[in-house]
Amino acid sequence: MLTFKRSALLKRIFWSPPDTFTGLICSICNKVVDLEDAKTDESGAAVHGECYVLRLQQIANKEKLREDTKRAFPLESAEIQIANLF
């Protein structure tokens, strides 16, 4: 269910005349992005440049943590592989 603030924002952006259009919505932080400053992510959605960089860093950190965990606990992954054989 949409809250009042969000539904009011959606009405202002999507149901207003074109001359009052205030900007795009960042697909990461859901805040308005000026058309001149807008970047696009891999799916073509508008984003702030800073938001996109932070999201890429978070993804890289998660992948690194996953690999570090596999290296730190090699027996657990081997036990899981053996358990999947039976």
N, C-alpha and C. Protein backbone atom coordinates (compact mmCIF):
# COMPACT_ATOMS: atom_id res chain seq x y z
N MET A 1 0.84 -1.18 0.00
CA MET A 1 0.00 0.00 0.00
C MET A 1 0.89 1.24 0.00
N LEU A 2 0.60 2.18 -0.84
CA LEU A 2 1.39 3.40 -0.92
C LEU A 2 1.03 4.34 0.21
N THR A 3 2.04 5.00 0.74
CA THR A 3 1.78 6.01 1.75
C THR A 3 1.32 7.29 1.07
N PHE A 4 0.78 8.20 1.82
CA PHE A 4 0.27 9.44 1.24
C PHE A 4 1.37 10.22 0.55
N LYS A 5 2.54 10.34 1.19
CA LYS A 5 3.62 11.11 0.59
C LYS A 5 4.05 10.52 -0.75
N ARG A 6 4.21 9.21 -0.80
CA ARG A 6 4.67 8.57 -2.03
C ARG A 6 3.60 8.69 -3.11
N SER A 7 2.34 8.50 -2.76
CA SER A 7 1.30 8.60 -3.79
C SER A 7 1.17 10.03 -4.29
N ALA A 8 1.36 11.00 -3.40
CA ALA A 8 1.31 12.41 -3.84
C ALA A 8 2.48 12.70 -4.78
N LEU A 9 3.64 12.15 -4.49
CA LEU A 9 4.80 12.33 -5.35
C LEU A 9 4.57 11.69 -6.72
N LEU A 10 4.02 10.48 -6.72
CA LEU A 10 3.73 9.81 -7.98
C LEU A 10 2.73 10.60 -8.81
N LYS A 11 1.71 11.14 -8.15
CA LYS A 11 0.73 11.96 -8.89
C LYS A 11 1.40 13.18 -9.49
N ARG A 12 2.27 13.82 -8.73
CA ARG A 12 2.92 15.03 -9.21
C ARG A 12 3.81 14.73 -10.42
N ILE A 13 4.48 13.58 -10.41
CA ILE A 13 5.40 13.27 -11.49
C ILE A 13 4.69 12.67 -12.70
N PHE A 14 3.82 11.70 -12.48
CA PHE A 14 3.25 10.98 -13.59
C PHE A 14 1.93 11.54 -14.11
N TRP A 15 1.21 12.32 -13.31
CA TRP A 15 -0.09 12.81 -13.74
C TRP A 15 -0.12 14.33 -13.92
N SER A 16 1.03 14.97 -13.89
CA SER A 16 1.07 16.41 -14.07
C SER A 16 1.32 16.75 -15.53
N PRO A 17 0.94 17.94 -15.96
CA PRO A 17 1.22 18.35 -17.34
C PRO A 17 2.72 18.36 -17.60
N PRO A 18 3.14 18.14 -18.85
CA PRO A 18 4.57 18.06 -19.17
C PRO A 18 5.39 19.29 -18.79
N ASP A 19 4.78 20.47 -18.78
CA ASP A 19 5.56 21.66 -18.46
C ASP A 19 5.88 21.79 -16.99
N THR A 20 5.25 20.99 -16.13
CA THR A 20 5.56 21.03 -14.70
C THR A 20 6.35 19.82 -14.24
N PHE A 21 6.82 19.01 -15.16
CA PHE A 21 7.60 17.82 -14.83
C PHE A 21 8.87 18.24 -14.10
N THR A 22 9.08 17.71 -12.90
CA THR A 22 10.20 18.16 -12.06
C THR A 22 11.44 17.30 -12.18
N GLY A 23 11.37 16.13 -12.75
CA GLY A 23 12.55 15.29 -12.87
C GLY A 23 12.23 13.82 -12.85
N LEU A 24 13.24 13.04 -12.87
CA LEU A 24 13.13 11.59 -12.84
C LEU A 24 13.34 11.11 -11.42
N ILE A 25 12.97 9.87 -11.16
CA ILE A 25 13.16 9.26 -9.85
C ILE A 25 14.32 8.27 -9.92
N CYS A 26 15.27 8.40 -9.00
CA CYS A 26 16.39 7.48 -8.92
C CYS A 26 15.86 6.10 -8.52
N SER A 27 16.22 5.09 -9.28
CA SER A 27 15.73 3.74 -8.99
C SER A 27 16.39 3.12 -7.76
N ILE A 28 17.41 3.77 -7.22
CA ILE A 28 18.09 3.24 -6.03
C ILE A 28 17.59 3.91 -4.76
N CYS A 29 17.59 5.26 -4.72
CA CYS A 29 17.20 5.97 -3.50
C CYS A 29 15.80 6.55 -3.55
N ASN A 30 15.13 6.47 -4.69
CA ASN A 30 13.77 6.97 -4.88
C ASN A 30 13.63 8.47 -4.65
N LYS A 31 14.69 9.22 -4.90
CA LYS A 31 14.63 10.67 -4.84
C LYS A 31 14.69 11.24 -6.25
N VAL A 32 14.27 12.49 -6.40
CA VAL A 32 14.23 13.11 -7.71
C VAL A 32 15.65 13.34 -8.24
N VAL A 33 15.85 13.04 -9.53
CA VAL A 33 17.11 13.26 -10.22
C VAL A 33 16.84 14.29 -11.31
N ASP A 34 17.61 15.35 -11.36
CA ASP A 34 17.46 16.32 -12.44
C ASP A 34 17.87 15.67 -13.75
N LEU A 35 17.17 16.02 -14.80
CA LEU A 35 17.43 15.43 -16.10
C LEU A 35 18.87 15.65 -16.54
N GLU A 36 19.42 16.83 -16.26
CA GLU A 36 20.79 17.15 -16.67
C GLU A 36 21.82 16.31 -15.91
N ASP A 37 21.49 15.88 -14.69
CA ASP A 37 22.43 15.14 -13.85
C ASP A 37 22.18 13.63 -13.86
N ALA A 38 21.14 13.19 -14.53
CA ALA A 38 20.74 11.78 -14.48
C ALA A 38 21.75 10.89 -15.21
N LYS A 39 21.98 9.74 -14.62
CA LYS A 39 22.77 8.66 -15.24
C LYS A 39 21.81 7.49 -15.40
N THR A 40 22.22 6.47 -16.12
CA THR A 40 21.38 5.27 -16.26
C THR A 40 22.14 4.05 -15.78
N ASP A 41 21.39 3.13 -15.16
CA ASP A 41 22.01 1.88 -14.71
C ASP A 41 21.94 0.87 -15.85
N GLU A 42 22.32 -0.37 -15.57
CA GLU A 42 22.39 -1.39 -16.61
C GLU A 42 21.03 -1.74 -17.20
N SER A 43 19.95 -1.41 -16.50
CA SER A 43 18.61 -1.69 -17.04
C SER A 43 17.99 -0.46 -17.69
N GLY A 44 18.71 0.65 -17.73
CA GLY A 44 18.21 1.86 -18.37
C GLY A 44 17.42 2.78 -17.47
N ALA A 45 17.35 2.48 -16.18
CA ALA A 45 16.61 3.32 -15.23
C ALA A 45 17.48 4.50 -14.80
N ALA A 46 16.83 5.62 -14.48
CA ALA A 46 17.54 6.82 -14.05
C ALA A 46 18.09 6.62 -12.63
N VAL A 47 19.33 7.06 -12.41
CA VAL A 47 19.96 6.98 -11.10
C VAL A 47 20.86 8.20 -10.90
N HIS A 48 21.16 8.49 -9.63
CA HIS A 48 22.22 9.45 -9.32
C HIS A 48 23.56 8.73 -9.54
N GLY A 49 24.56 9.43 -10.00
CA GLY A 49 25.87 8.81 -10.19
C GLY A 49 26.43 8.25 -8.90
N GLU A 50 26.24 8.99 -7.80
CA GLU A 50 26.76 8.55 -6.49
C GLU A 50 26.05 7.28 -6.02
N CYS A 51 24.74 7.20 -6.24
CA CYS A 51 23.98 6.02 -5.84
C CYS A 51 24.46 4.78 -6.60
N TYR A 52 24.71 4.95 -7.88
CA TYR A 52 25.14 3.83 -8.71
C TYR A 52 26.51 3.33 -8.28
N VAL A 53 27.43 4.24 -7.99
CA VAL A 53 28.77 3.84 -7.54
C VAL A 53 28.67 3.10 -6.21
N LEU A 54 27.87 3.59 -5.28
CA LEU A 54 27.71 2.92 -4.00
C LEU A 54 27.12 1.53 -4.16
N ARG A 55 26.15 1.38 -5.06
CA ARG A 55 25.55 0.06 -5.28
C ARG A 55 26.57 -0.90 -5.87
N LEU A 56 27.39 -0.44 -6.81
CA LEU A 56 28.42 -1.31 -7.38
C LEU A 56 29.45 -1.71 -6.33
N GLN A 57 29.79 -0.79 -5.43
CA GLN A 57 30.73 -1.12 -4.35
C GLN A 57 30.13 -2.16 -3.41
N GLN A 58 28.83 -2.03 -3.10
CA GLN A 58 28.18 -3.00 -2.23
C GLN A 58 28.19 -4.39 -2.86
N ILE A 59 27.93 -4.47 -4.15
CA ILE A 59 27.93 -5.76 -4.84
C ILE A 59 29.33 -6.38 -4.82
N ALA A 60 30.34 -5.56 -5.07
CA ALA A 60 31.72 -6.06 -5.05
C ALA A 60 32.11 -6.53 -3.66
N ASN A 61 31.69 -5.79 -2.63
CA ASN A 61 32.00 -6.19 -1.25
C ASN A 61 31.34 -7.51 -0.88
N LYS A 62 30.09 -7.71 -1.33
CA LYS A 62 29.40 -8.97 -1.04
C LYS A 62 30.10 -10.14 -1.70
N GLU A 63 30.52 -9.96 -2.95
CA GLU A 63 31.22 -11.03 -3.66
C GLU A 63 32.56 -11.35 -3.00
N LYS A 64 33.28 -10.31 -2.57
CA LYS A 64 34.56 -10.53 -1.90
C LYS A 64 34.37 -11.25 -0.58
N LEU A 65 33.34 -10.87 0.17
CA LEU A 65 33.05 -11.53 1.44
C LEU A 65 32.71 -12.99 1.23
N ARG A 66 31.95 -13.29 0.18
CA ARG A 66 31.60 -14.66 -0.13
C ARG A 66 32.85 -15.50 -0.44
N GLU A 67 33.75 -14.93 -1.24
CA GLU A 67 34.98 -15.65 -1.58
C GLU A 67 35.90 -15.81 -0.37
N ASP A 68 35.99 -14.77 0.47
CA ASP A 68 36.81 -14.86 1.68
C ASP A 68 36.27 -15.92 2.63
N THR A 69 34.95 -16.01 2.72
CA THR A 69 34.34 -17.02 3.59
C THR A 69 34.64 -18.42 3.07
N LYS A 70 34.59 -18.62 1.76
CA LYS A 70 34.90 -19.94 1.20
C LYS A 70 36.35 -20.32 1.48
N ARG A 71 37.27 -19.32 1.41
CA ARG A 71 38.68 -19.60 1.69
C ARG A 71 38.91 -19.86 3.17
N ALA A 72 38.19 -19.16 4.03
CA ALA A 72 38.39 -19.30 5.48
C ALA A 72 37.80 -20.61 6.00
N PHE A 73 36.75 -21.10 5.36
CA PHE A 73 36.09 -22.32 5.82
C PHE A 73 35.99 -23.34 4.69
N PRO A 74 37.11 -23.84 4.19
CA PRO A 74 37.06 -24.75 3.04
C PRO A 74 36.39 -26.08 3.37
N LEU A 75 36.49 -26.54 4.61
CA LEU A 75 35.89 -27.83 4.97
C LEU A 75 34.38 -27.78 4.89
N GLU A 76 33.79 -26.65 5.28
CA GLU A 76 32.34 -26.55 5.23
C GLU A 76 31.84 -26.68 3.81
N SER A 77 32.51 -26.04 2.86
CA SER A 77 32.05 -26.15 1.48
C SER A 77 32.28 -27.56 0.95
N ALA A 78 33.37 -28.22 1.39
CA ALA A 78 33.63 -29.61 0.98
C ALA A 78 32.56 -30.53 1.58
N GLU A 79 32.21 -30.31 2.85
CA GLU A 79 31.18 -31.13 3.48
C GLU A 79 29.83 -30.96 2.79
N ILE A 80 29.54 -29.76 2.38
CA ILE A 80 28.28 -29.50 1.67
C ILE A 80 28.27 -30.23 0.34
N GLN A 81 29.40 -30.21 -0.36
CA GLN A 81 29.49 -30.90 -1.65
C GLN A 81 29.34 -32.40 -1.46
N ILE A 82 29.95 -32.94 -0.41
CA ILE A 82 29.83 -34.38 -0.15
C ILE A 82 28.40 -34.72 0.22
N ALA A 83 27.77 -33.89 1.04
CA ALA A 83 26.39 -34.14 1.45
C ALA A 83 25.44 -34.11 0.25
N ASN A 84 25.74 -33.28 -0.73
CA ASN A 84 24.88 -33.21 -1.92
C ASN A 84 25.01 -34.45 -2.80
N LEU A 85 26.08 -35.23 -2.63
CA LEU A 85 26.25 -36.45 -3.41
C LEU A 85 25.31 -37.55 -2.97
N PHE A 86 24.92 -37.54 -1.68
CA PHE A 86 24.09 -38.62 -1.15
C PHE A 86 22.65 -38.30 -1.16
